[in-house]
Amino acid sequence: MNVITVAEIKRSGFAALDAALAQGPVHLMKRNRPSAVVLSTADYNALLAKAQRAQTSASTALSQFLAPDADVGGLDASGLQARLAGLNEGWSDR
């Protein structure tokens, strides 16, 4: 874990933070307690993109699962299993 104290940033300025960010996310400590996590712009953008992909795939899967079936009677047990199998096809990389 990459840790830097607020006092160290006050002494050395942002040069200390930049040096720590070169090694990955930086955990800021204030009075011996975790205060914040600082990410590089690239790490932050990657985190946002991953969260958006997860949200999109979850909402898409949910909407497909809840979509009304073509027949008026709804899904029976075999229809539900077929729909679940179709939704799980793209999830082999888990």
PDB file of N, CA and C in Angstrom:
ATOM      1  N   MET A   1       0.850  -1.168   0.000  1.00  0.00           N
ATOM      2  CA  MET A   1       0.000   0.000   0.000  1.00  0.00           C
ATOM      3  C   MET A   1       0.903   1.242   0.000  1.00  0.00           C
ATOM      4  N   ASN A   2       0.618   2.157  -0.871  1.00  0.00           N
ATOM      5  CA  ASN A   2       1.379   3.382  -1.056  1.00  0.00           C
ATOM      6  C   ASN A   2       0.793   4.452  -0.137  1.00  0.00           C
ATOM      7  N   VAL A   3       1.522   4.829   0.921  1.00  0.00           N
ATOM      8  CA  VAL A   3       1.000   5.727   1.944  1.00  0.00           C
ATOM      9  C   VAL A   3       1.871   6.976   2.036  1.00  0.00           C
ATOM     10  N   ILE A   4       1.233   8.117   2.215  1.00  0.00           N
ATOM     11  CA  ILE A   4       1.932   9.384   2.443  1.00  0.00           C
ATOM     12  C   ILE A   4       1.118  10.166   3.476  1.00  0.00           C
ATOM     13  N   THR A   5       1.819  10.891   4.313  1.00  0.00           N
ATOM     14  CA  THR A   5       1.115  11.671   5.335  1.00  0.00           C
ATOM     15  C   THR A   5       0.863  13.083   4.826  1.00  0.00           C
ATOM     16  N   VAL A   6      -0.145  13.707   5.398  1.00  0.00           N
ATOM     17  CA  VAL A   6      -0.454  15.088   5.062  1.00  0.00           C
ATOM     18  C   VAL A   6       0.712  15.985   5.473  1.00  0.00           C
ATOM     19  N   ALA A   7       1.342  15.668   6.592  1.00  0.00           N
ATOM     20  CA  ALA A   7       2.491  16.450   7.054  1.00  0.00           C
ATOM     21  C   ALA A   7       3.635  16.389   6.033  1.00  0.00           C
ATOM     22  N   GLU A   8       3.838  15.226   5.430  1.00  0.00           N
ATOM     23  CA  GLU A   8       4.884  15.092   4.418  1.00  0.00           C
ATOM     24  C   GLU A   8       4.575  15.943   3.184  1.00  0.00           C
ATOM     25  N   ILE A   9       3.319  16.018   2.816  1.00  0.00           N
ATOM     26  CA  ILE A   9       2.928  16.860   1.685  1.00  0.00           C
ATOM     27  C   ILE A   9       3.150  18.330   2.037  1.00  0.00           C
ATOM     28  N   LYS A  10       2.851  18.708   3.281  1.00  0.00           N
ATOM     29  CA  LYS A  10       3.079  20.089   3.710  1.00  0.00           C
ATOM     30  C   LYS A  10       4.560  20.449   3.655  1.00  0.00           C
ATOM     31  N   ARG A  11       5.425  19.496   4.060  1.00  0.00           N
ATOM     32  CA  ARG A  11       6.867  19.745   4.058  1.00  0.00           C
ATOM     33  C   ARG A  11       7.443  19.779   2.652  1.00  0.00           C
ATOM     34  N   SER A  12       7.085  18.770   1.830  1.00  0.00           N
ATOM     35  CA  SER A  12       7.720  18.605   0.521  1.00  0.00           C
ATOM     36  C   SER A  12       6.896  19.146  -0.631  1.00  0.00           C
ATOM     37  N   GLY A  13       5.664  19.486  -0.381  1.00  0.00           N
ATOM     38  CA  GLY A  13       4.802  19.966  -1.458  1.00  0.00           C
ATOM     39  C   GLY A  13       4.282  18.808  -2.308  1.00  0.00           C
ATOM     40  N   PHE A  14       3.757  19.179  -3.458  1.00  0.00           N
ATOM     41  CA  PHE A  14       3.152  18.170  -4.316  1.00  0.00           C
ATOM     42  C   PHE A  14       4.176  17.271  -4.991  1.00  0.00           C
ATOM     43  N   ALA A  15       5.443  17.611  -4.911  1.00  0.00           N
ATOM     44  CA  ALA A  15       6.476  16.742  -5.476  1.00  0.00           C
ATOM     45  C   ALA A  15       6.448  15.384  -4.783  1.00  0.00           C
ATOM     46  N   ALA A  16       6.211  15.369  -3.466  1.00  0.00           N
ATOM     47  CA  ALA A  16       6.124  14.106  -2.731  1.00  0.00           C
ATOM     48  C   ALA A  16       4.912  13.301  -3.195  1.00  0.00           C
ATOM     49  N   LEU A  17       3.819  13.992  -3.434  1.00  0.00           N
ATOM     50  CA  LEU A  17       2.608  13.318  -3.901  1.00  0.00           C
ATOM     51  C   LEU A  17       2.794  12.786  -5.317  1.00  0.00           C
ATOM     52  N   ASP A  18       3.406  13.578  -6.181  1.00  0.00           N
ATOM     53  CA  ASP A  18       3.668  13.123  -7.554  1.00  0.00           C
ATOM     54  C   ASP A  18       4.566  11.896  -7.572  1.00  0.00           C
ATOM     55  N   ALA A  19       5.592  11.891  -6.727  1.00  0.00           N
ATOM     56  CA  ALA A  19       6.490  10.738  -6.655  1.00  0.00           C
ATOM     57  C   ALA A  19       5.747   9.497  -6.173  1.00  0.00           C
ATOM     58  N   ALA A  20       4.865   9.670  -5.200  1.00  0.00           N
ATOM     59  CA  ALA A  20       4.092   8.536  -4.689  1.00  0.00           C
ATOM     60  C   ALA A  20       3.078   8.052  -5.730  1.00  0.00           C
ATOM     61  N   LEU A  21       2.466   8.980  -6.482  1.00  0.00           N
ATOM     62  CA  LEU A  21       1.487   8.606  -7.507  1.00  0.00           C
ATOM     63  C   LEU A  21       2.119   7.810  -8.639  1.00  0.00           C
ATOM     64  N   ALA A  22       3.415   7.982  -8.855  1.00  0.00           N
ATOM     65  CA  ALA A  22       4.108   7.227  -9.898  1.00  0.00           C
ATOM     66  C   ALA A  22       4.080   5.731  -9.603  1.00  0.00           C
ATOM     67  N   GLN A  23       3.887   5.370  -8.344  1.00  0.00           N
ATOM     68  CA  GLN A  23       3.845   3.966  -7.939  1.00  0.00           C
ATOM     69  C   GLN A  23       2.425   3.421  -7.814  1.00  0.00           C
ATOM     70  N   GLY A  24       1.422   4.250  -8.061  1.00  0.00           N
ATOM     71  CA  GLY A  24       0.033   3.804  -7.977  1.00  0.00           C
ATOM     72  C   GLY A  24      -0.780   4.697  -7.065  1.00  0.00           C
ATOM     73  N   PRO A  25      -1.993   4.257  -6.713  1.00  0.00           N
ATOM     74  CA  PRO A  25      -2.854   5.057  -5.832  1.00  0.00           C
ATOM     75  C   PRO A  25      -2.163   5.349  -4.497  1.00  0.00           C
ATOM     76  N   VAL A  26      -2.429   6.521  -3.954  1.00  0.00           N
ATOM     77  CA  VAL A  26      -1.781   6.965  -2.715  1.00  0.00           C
ATOM     78  C   VAL A  26      -2.834   7.112  -1.626  1.00  0.00           C
ATOM     79  N   HIS A  27      -2.578   6.481  -0.506  1.00  0.00           N
ATOM     80  CA  HIS A  27      -3.451   6.611   0.664  1.00  0.00           C
ATOM     81  C   HIS A  27      -2.899   7.732   1.528  1.00  0.00           C
ATOM     82  N   LEU A  28      -3.708   8.759   1.767  1.00  0.00           N
ATOM     83  CA  LEU A  28      -3.294   9.879   2.611  1.00  0.00           C
ATOM     84  C   LEU A  28      -3.637   9.578   4.062  1.00  0.00           C
ATOM     85  N   MET A  29      -2.672   9.813   4.935  1.00  0.00           N
ATOM     86  CA  MET A  29      -2.876   9.600   6.359  1.00  0.00           C
ATOM     87  C   MET A  29      -2.839  10.948   7.067  1.00  0.00           C
ATOM     88  N   LYS A  30      -3.809  11.159   7.938  1.00  0.00           N
ATOM     89  CA  LYS A  30      -3.872  12.383   8.728  1.00  0.00           C
ATOM     90  C   LYS A  30      -4.057  11.971  10.176  1.00  0.00           C
ATOM     91  N   ARG A  31      -3.111  12.338  11.008  1.00  0.00           N
ATOM     92  CA  ARG A  31      -3.130  11.968  12.430  1.00  0.00           C
ATOM     93  C   ARG A  31      -3.230  10.448  12.609  1.00  0.00           C
ATOM     94  N   ASN A  32      -2.430   9.732  11.825  1.00  0.00           N
ATOM     95  CA  ASN A  32      -2.343   8.257  11.868  1.00  0.00           C
ATOM     96  C   ASN A  32      -3.657   7.555  11.519  1.00  0.00           C
ATOM     97  N   ARG A  33      -4.500   8.232  10.768  1.00  0.00           N
ATOM     98  CA  ARG A  33      -5.755   7.622  10.312  1.00  0.00           C
ATOM     99  C   ARG A  33      -5.881   7.837   8.813  1.00  0.00           C
ATOM    100  N   PRO A  34      -6.461   6.862   8.112  1.00  0.00           N
ATOM    101  CA  PRO A  34      -6.677   7.049   6.671  1.00  0.00           C
ATOM    102  C   PRO A  34      -7.611   8.231   6.440  1.00  0.00           C
ATOM    103  N   SER A  35      -7.216   9.117   5.543  1.00  0.00           N
ATOM    104  CA  SER A  35      -8.002  10.313   5.290  1.00  0.00           C
ATOM    105  C   SER A  35      -8.608  10.318   3.892  1.00  0.00           C
ATOM    106  N   ALA A  36      -7.819   9.883   2.908  1.00  0.00           N
ATOM    107  CA  ALA A  36      -8.290   9.919   1.523  1.00  0.00           C
ATOM    108  C   ALA A  36      -7.399   9.026   0.673  1.00  0.00           C
ATOM    109  N   VAL A  37      -7.857   8.783  -0.542  1.00  0.00           N
ATOM    110  CA  VAL A  37      -7.058   8.070  -1.537  1.00  0.00           C
ATOM    111  C   VAL A  37      -6.962   8.971  -2.752  1.00  0.00           C
ATOM    112  N   VAL A  38      -5.748   9.169  -3.242  1.00  0.00           N
ATOM    113  CA  VAL A  38      -5.516  10.010  -4.404  1.00  0.00           C
ATOM    114  C   VAL A  38      -5.149   9.095  -5.570  1.00  0.00           C
ATOM    115  N   LEU A  39      -5.827   9.310  -6.698  1.00  0.00           N
ATOM    116  CA  LEU A  39      -5.578   8.520  -7.904  1.00  0.00           C
ATOM    117  C   LEU A  39      -5.036   9.407  -9.004  1.00  0.00           C
ATOM    118  N   SER A  40      -4.251   8.823  -9.884  1.00  0.00           N
ATOM    119  CA  SER A  40      -3.850   9.561 -11.081  1.00  0.00           C
ATOM    120  C   SER A  40      -5.082   9.710 -11.970  1.00  0.00           C
ATOM    121  N   THR A  41      -5.010  10.626 -12.904  1.00  0.00           N
ATOM    122  CA  THR A  41      -6.138  10.842 -13.812  1.00  0.00           C
ATOM    123  C   THR A  41      -6.431   9.573 -14.612  1.00  0.00           C
ATOM    124  N   ALA A  42      -5.391   8.887 -15.038  1.00  0.00           N
ATOM    125  CA  ALA A  42      -5.576   7.650 -15.812  1.00  0.00           C
ATOM    126  C   ALA A  42      -6.264   6.571 -14.974  1.00  0.00           C
ATOM    127  N   ASP A  43      -5.827   6.411 -13.720  1.00  0.00           N
ATOM    128  CA  ASP A  43      -6.458   5.419 -12.834  1.00  0.00           C
ATOM    129  C   ASP A  43      -7.911   5.775 -12.560  1.00  0.00           C
ATOM    130  N   TYR A  44      -8.183   7.064 -12.355  1.00  0.00           N
ATOM    131  CA  TYR A  44      -9.547   7.513 -12.091  1.00  0.00           C
ATOM    132  C   TYR A  44     -10.451   7.253 -13.297  1.00  0.00           C
ATOM    133  N   ASN A  45      -9.974   7.584 -14.493  1.00  0.00           N
ATOM    134  CA  ASN A  45     -10.766   7.350 -15.701  1.00  0.00           C
ATOM    135  C   ASN A  45     -11.015   5.864 -15.930  1.00  0.00           C
ATOM    136  N   ALA A  46     -10.016   5.032 -15.658  1.00  0.00           N
ATOM    137  CA  ALA A  46     -10.194   3.584 -15.795  1.00  0.00           C
ATOM    138  C   ALA A  46     -11.228   3.068 -14.794  1.00  0.00           C
ATOM    139  N   LEU A  47     -11.201   3.593 -13.588  1.00  0.00           N
ATOM    140  CA  LEU A  47     -12.178   3.201 -12.568  1.00  0.00           C
ATOM    141  C   LEU A  47     -13.586   3.606 -12.969  1.00  0.00           C
ATOM    142  N   LEU A  48     -13.738   4.819 -13.498  1.00  0.00           N
ATOM    143  CA  LEU A  48     -15.051   5.268 -13.967  1.00  0.00           C
ATOM    144  C   LEU A  48     -15.561   4.415 -15.122  1.00  0.00           C
ATOM    145  N   ALA A  49     -14.687   4.104 -16.071  1.00  0.00           N
ATOM    146  CA  ALA A  49     -15.091   3.287 -17.216  1.00  0.00           C
ATOM    147  C   ALA A  49     -15.521   1.901 -16.758  1.00  0.00           C
ATOM    148  N   LYS A  50     -14.806   1.320 -15.815  1.00  0.00           N
ATOM    149  CA  LYS A  50     -15.163  -0.007 -15.302  1.00  0.00           C
ATOM    150  C   LYS A  50     -16.513   0.032 -14.584  1.00  0.00           C
ATOM    151  N   ALA A  51     -16.744   1.075 -13.805  1.00  0.00           N
ATOM    152  CA  ALA A  51     -18.025   1.210 -13.095  1.00  0.00           C
ATOM    153  C   ALA A  51     -19.174   1.391 -14.080  1.00  0.00           C
ATOM    154  N   GLN A  52     -18.951   2.167 -15.144  1.00  0.00           N
ATOM    155  CA  GLN A  52     -19.999   2.379 -16.143  1.00  0.00           C
ATOM    156  C   GLN A  52     -20.299   1.095 -16.903  1.00  0.00           C
ATOM    157  N   ARG A  53     -19.249   0.301 -17.223  1.00  0.00           N
ATOM    158  CA  ARG A  53     -19.476  -0.980 -17.899  1.00  0.00           C
ATOM    159  C   ARG A  53     -20.266  -1.924 -17.018  1.00  0.00           C
ATOM    160  N   ALA A  54     -19.926  -1.964 -15.741  1.00  0.00           N
ATOM    161  CA  ALA A  54     -20.635  -2.840 -14.811  1.00  0.00           C
ATOM    162  C   ALA A  54     -22.090  -2.418 -14.675  1.00  0.00           C
ATOM    163  N   GLN A  55     -22.329  -1.117 -14.596  1.00  0.00           N
ATOM    164  CA  GLN A  55     -23.699  -0.617 -14.458  1.00  0.00           C
ATOM    165  C   GLN A  55     -24.507  -0.900 -15.724  1.00  0.00           C
ATOM    166  N   THR A  56     -23.888  -0.697 -16.880  1.00  0.00           N
ATOM    167  CA  THR A  56     -24.580  -0.924 -18.146  1.00  0.00           C
ATOM    168  C   THR A  56     -24.916  -2.396 -18.322  1.00  0.00           C
ATOM    169  N   SER A  57     -23.944  -3.281 -18.052  1.00  0.00           N
ATOM    170  CA  SER A  57     -24.212  -4.706 -18.237  1.00  0.00           C
ATOM    171  C   SER A  57     -25.245  -5.208 -17.241  1.00  0.00           C
ATOM    172  N   ALA A  58     -25.228  -4.687 -16.016  1.00  0.00           N
ATOM    173  CA  ALA A  58     -26.213  -5.112 -15.025  1.00  0.00           C
ATOM    174  C   ALA A  58     -27.605  -4.651 -15.413  1.00  0.00           C
ATOM    175  N   SER A  59     -27.737  -3.414 -15.859  1.00  0.00           N
ATOM    176  CA  SER A  59     -29.060  -2.928 -16.224  1.00  0.00           C
ATOM    177  C   SER A  59     -29.553  -3.600 -17.494  1.00  0.00           C
ATOM    178  N   THR A  60     -28.650  -3.908 -18.425  1.00  0.00           N
ATOM    179  CA  THR A  60     -29.043  -4.597 -19.646  1.00  0.00           C
ATOM    180  C   THR A  60     -29.519  -6.006 -19.332  1.00  0.00           C
ATOM    181  N   ALA A  61     -28.787  -6.714 -18.491  1.00  0.00           N
ATOM    182  CA  ALA A  61     -29.177  -8.074 -18.127  1.00  0.00           C
ATOM    183  C   ALA A  61     -30.511  -8.070 -17.395  1.00  0.00           C
ATOM    184  N   LEU A  62     -30.689  -7.112 -16.489  1.00  0.00           N
ATOM    185  CA  LEU A  62     -31.945  -7.031 -15.749  1.00  0.00           C
ATOM    186  C   LEU A  62     -33.109  -6.722 -16.681  1.00  0.00           C
ATOM    187  N   SER A  63     -32.908  -5.782 -17.611  1.00  0.00           N
ATOM    188  CA  SER A  63     -33.998  -5.440 -18.519  1.00  0.00           C
ATOM    189  C   SER A  63     -34.335  -6.601 -19.443  1.00  0.00           C
ATOM    190  N   GLN A  64     -33.311  -7.362 -19.864  1.00  0.00           N
ATOM    191  CA  GLN A  64     -33.581  -8.538 -20.697  1.00  0.00           C
ATOM    192  C   GLN A  64     -34.331  -9.600 -19.908  1.00  0.00           C
ATOM    193  N   PHE A  65     -33.938  -9.763 -18.665  1.00  0.00           N
ATOM    194  CA  PHE A  65     -34.591 -10.773 -17.840  1.00  0.00           C
ATOM    195  C   PHE A  65     -36.042 -10.403 -17.554  1.00  0.00           C
ATOM    196  N   LEU A  66     -36.292  -9.126 -17.327  1.00  0.00           N
ATOM    197  CA  LEU A  66     -37.638  -8.689 -16.975  1.00  0.00           C
ATOM    198  C   LEU A  66     -38.514  -8.390 -18.190  1.00  0.00           C
ATOM    199  N   ALA A  67     -37.933  -8.424 -19.383  1.00  0.00           N
ATOM    200  CA  ALA A  67     -38.697  -8.118 -20.591  1.00  0.00           C
ATOM    201  C   ALA A  67     -39.852  -9.103 -20.745  1.00  0.00           C
ATOM    202  N   PRO A  68     -41.005  -8.593 -21.159  1.00  0.00           N
ATOM    203  CA  PRO A  68     -42.137  -9.495 -21.345  1.00  0.00           C
ATOM    204  C   PRO A  68     -41.846 -10.499 -22.461  1.00  0.00           C
ATOM    205  N   ASP A  69     -42.282 -11.700 -22.258  1.00  0.00           N
ATOM    206  CA  ASP A  69     -42.065 -12.746 -23.247  1.00  0.00           C
ATOM    207  C   ASP A  69     -43.020 -12.550 -24.422  1.00  0.00           C
ATOM    208  N   ALA A  70     -42.713 -13.162 -25.542  1.00  0.00           N
ATOM    209  CA  ALA A  70     -43.519 -12.988 -26.748  1.00  0.00           C
ATOM    210  C   ALA A  70     -44.935 -13.531 -26.558  1.00  0.00           C
ATOM    211  N   ASP A  71     -45.061 -14.635 -25.844  1.00  0.00           N
ATOM    212  CA  ASP A  71     -46.411 -15.151 -25.633  1.00  0.00           C
ATOM    213  C   ASP A  71     -47.053 -14.466 -24.440  1.00  0.00           C
ATOM    214  N   VAL A  72     -48.337 -14.409 -24.439  1.00  0.00           N
ATOM    215  CA  VAL A  72     -49.069 -13.677 -23.407  1.00  0.00           C
ATOM    216  C   VAL A  72     -49.008 -14.391 -22.070  1.00  0.00           C
ATOM    217  N   GLY A  73     -48.821 -15.697 -22.081  1.00  0.00           N
ATOM    218  CA  GLY A  73     -48.843 -16.471 -20.847  1.00  0.00           C
ATOM    219  C   GLY A  73     -47.622 -16.272 -19.969  1.00  0.00           C
ATOM    220  N   GLY A  74     -46.576 -15.633 -20.451  1.00  0.00           N
ATOM    221  CA  GLY A  74     -45.371 -15.450 -19.646  1.00  0.00           C
ATOM    222  C   GLY A  74     -44.424 -16.623 -19.792  1.00  0.00           C
ATOM    223  N   LEU A  75     -43.521 -16.756 -18.858  1.00  0.00           N
ATOM    224  CA  LEU A  75     -42.515 -17.809 -18.908  1.00  0.00           C
ATOM    225  C   LEU A  75     -42.918 -18.990 -18.045  1.00  0.00           C
ATOM    226  N   ASP A  76     -42.734 -20.179 -18.603  1.00  0.00           N
ATOM    227  CA  ASP A  76     -42.854 -21.367 -17.783  1.00  0.00           C
ATOM    228  C   ASP A  76     -41.445 -21.738 -17.326  1.00  0.00           C
ATOM    229  N   ALA A  77     -41.274 -22.837 -16.637  1.00  0.00           N
ATOM    230  CA  ALA A  77     -39.968 -23.214 -16.089  1.00  0.00           C
ATOM    231  C   ALA A  77     -38.927 -23.392 -17.184  1.00  0.00           C
ATOM    232  N   SER A  78     -39.280 -24.050 -18.287  1.00  0.00           N
ATOM    233  CA  SER A  78     -38.303 -24.259 -19.355  1.00  0.00           C
ATOM    234  C   SER A  78     -37.976 -22.944 -20.062  1.00  0.00           C
ATOM    235  N   GLY A  79     -38.959 -22.065 -20.212  1.00  0.00           N
ATOM    236  CA  GLY A  79     -38.704 -20.764 -20.814  1.00  0.00           C
ATOM    237  C   GLY A  79     -37.789 -19.905 -19.955  1.00  0.00           C
ATOM    238  N   LEU A  80     -37.974 -19.967 -18.646  1.00  0.00           N
ATOM    239  CA  LEU A  80     -37.122 -19.230 -17.729  1.00  0.00           C
ATOM    240  C   LEU A  80     -35.696 -19.752 -17.787  1.00  0.00           C
ATOM    241  N   GLN A  81     -35.529 -21.068 -17.823  1.00  0.00           N
ATOM    242  CA  GLN A  81     -34.188 -21.646 -17.914  1.00  0.00           C
ATOM    243  C   GLN A  81     -33.514 -21.257 -19.220  1.00  0.00           C
ATOM    244  N   ALA A  82     -34.270 -21.233 -20.316  1.00  0.00           N
ATOM    245  CA  ALA A  82     -33.707 -20.839 -21.603  1.00  0.00           C
ATOM    246  C   ALA A  82     -33.276 -19.377 -21.578  1.00  0.00           C
ATOM    247  N   ARG A  83     -34.090 -18.522 -20.991  1.00  0.00           N
ATOM    248  CA  ARG A  83     -33.731 -17.102 -20.918  1.00  0.00           C
ATOM    249  C   ARG A  83     -32.489 -16.898 -20.046  1.00  0.00           C
ATOM    250  N   LEU A  84     -32.412 -17.589 -18.911  1.00  0.00           N
ATOM    251  CA  LEU A  84     -31.230 -17.488 -18.054  1.00  0.00           C
ATOM    252  C   LEU A  84     -29.984 -17.998 -18.768  1.00  0.00           C
ATOM    253  N   ALA A  85     -30.114 -19.088 -19.512  1.00  0.00           N
ATOM    254  CA  ALA A  85     -28.970 -19.608 -20.260  1.00  0.00           C
ATOM    255  C   ALA A  85     -28.510 -18.591 -21.295  1.00  0.00           C
ATOM    256  N   GLY A  86     -29.429 -17.922 -21.958  1.00  0.00           N
ATOM    257  CA  GLY A  86     -29.076 -16.901 -22.930  1.00  0.00           C
ATOM    258  C   GLY A  86     -28.376 -15.714 -22.286  1.00  0.00           C
ATOM    259  N   LEU A  87     -28.819 -15.326 -21.110  1.00  0.00           N
ATOM    260  CA  LEU A  87     -28.198 -14.198 -20.422  1.00  0.00           C
ATOM    261  C   LEU A  87     -26.812 -14.547 -19.904  1.00  0.00           C
ATOM    262  N   ASN A  88     -26.588 -15.811 -19.563  1.00  0.00           N
ATOM    263  CA  ASN A  88     -25.306 -16.218 -18.987  1.00  0.00           C
ATOM    264  C   ASN A  88     -24.256 -16.541 -20.033  1.00  0.00           C
ATOM    265  N   GLU A  89     -24.587 -16.503 -21.314  1.00  0.00           N
ATOM    266  CA  GLU A  89     -23.618 -16.865 -22.354  1.00  0.00           C
ATOM    267  C   GLU A  89     -22.375 -15.993 -22.313  1.00  0.00           C
ATOM    268  N   GLY A  90     -22.517 -14.714 -22.140  1.00  0.00           N
ATOM    269  CA  GLY A  90     -21.376 -13.800 -22.169  1.00  0.00           C
ATOM    270  C   GLY A  90     -20.600 -13.696 -20.869  1.00  0.00           C
ATOM    271  N   TRP A  91     -20.938 -14.487 -19.887  1.00  0.00           N
ATOM    272  CA  TRP A  91     -20.323 -14.364 -18.559  1.00  0.00           C
ATOM    273  C   TRP A  91     -19.294 -15.459 -18.279  1.00  0.00           C
ATOM    274  N   SER A  92     -18.728 -16.055 -19.312  1.00  0.00           N
ATOM    275  CA  SER A  92     -17.778 -17.142 -19.103  1.00  0.00           C
ATOM    276  C   SER A  92     -16.429 -16.650 -18.577  1.00  0.00           C
ATOM    277  N   ASP A  93     -16.136 -15.373 -18.661  1.00  0.00           N
ATOM    278  CA  ASP A  93     -14.842 -14.846 -18.224  1.00  0.00           C
ATOM    279  C   ASP A  93     -14.781 -14.562 -16.728  1.00  0.00           C
ATOM    280  N   ARG A  94     -15.779 -14.925 -15.999  1.00  0.00           N
ATOM    281  CA  ARG A  94     -15.769 -14.687 -14.542  1.00  0.00           C
ATOM    282  C   ARG A  94     -14.779 -15.564 -13.860  1.00  0.00           C
TER     283      ARG A  94
END
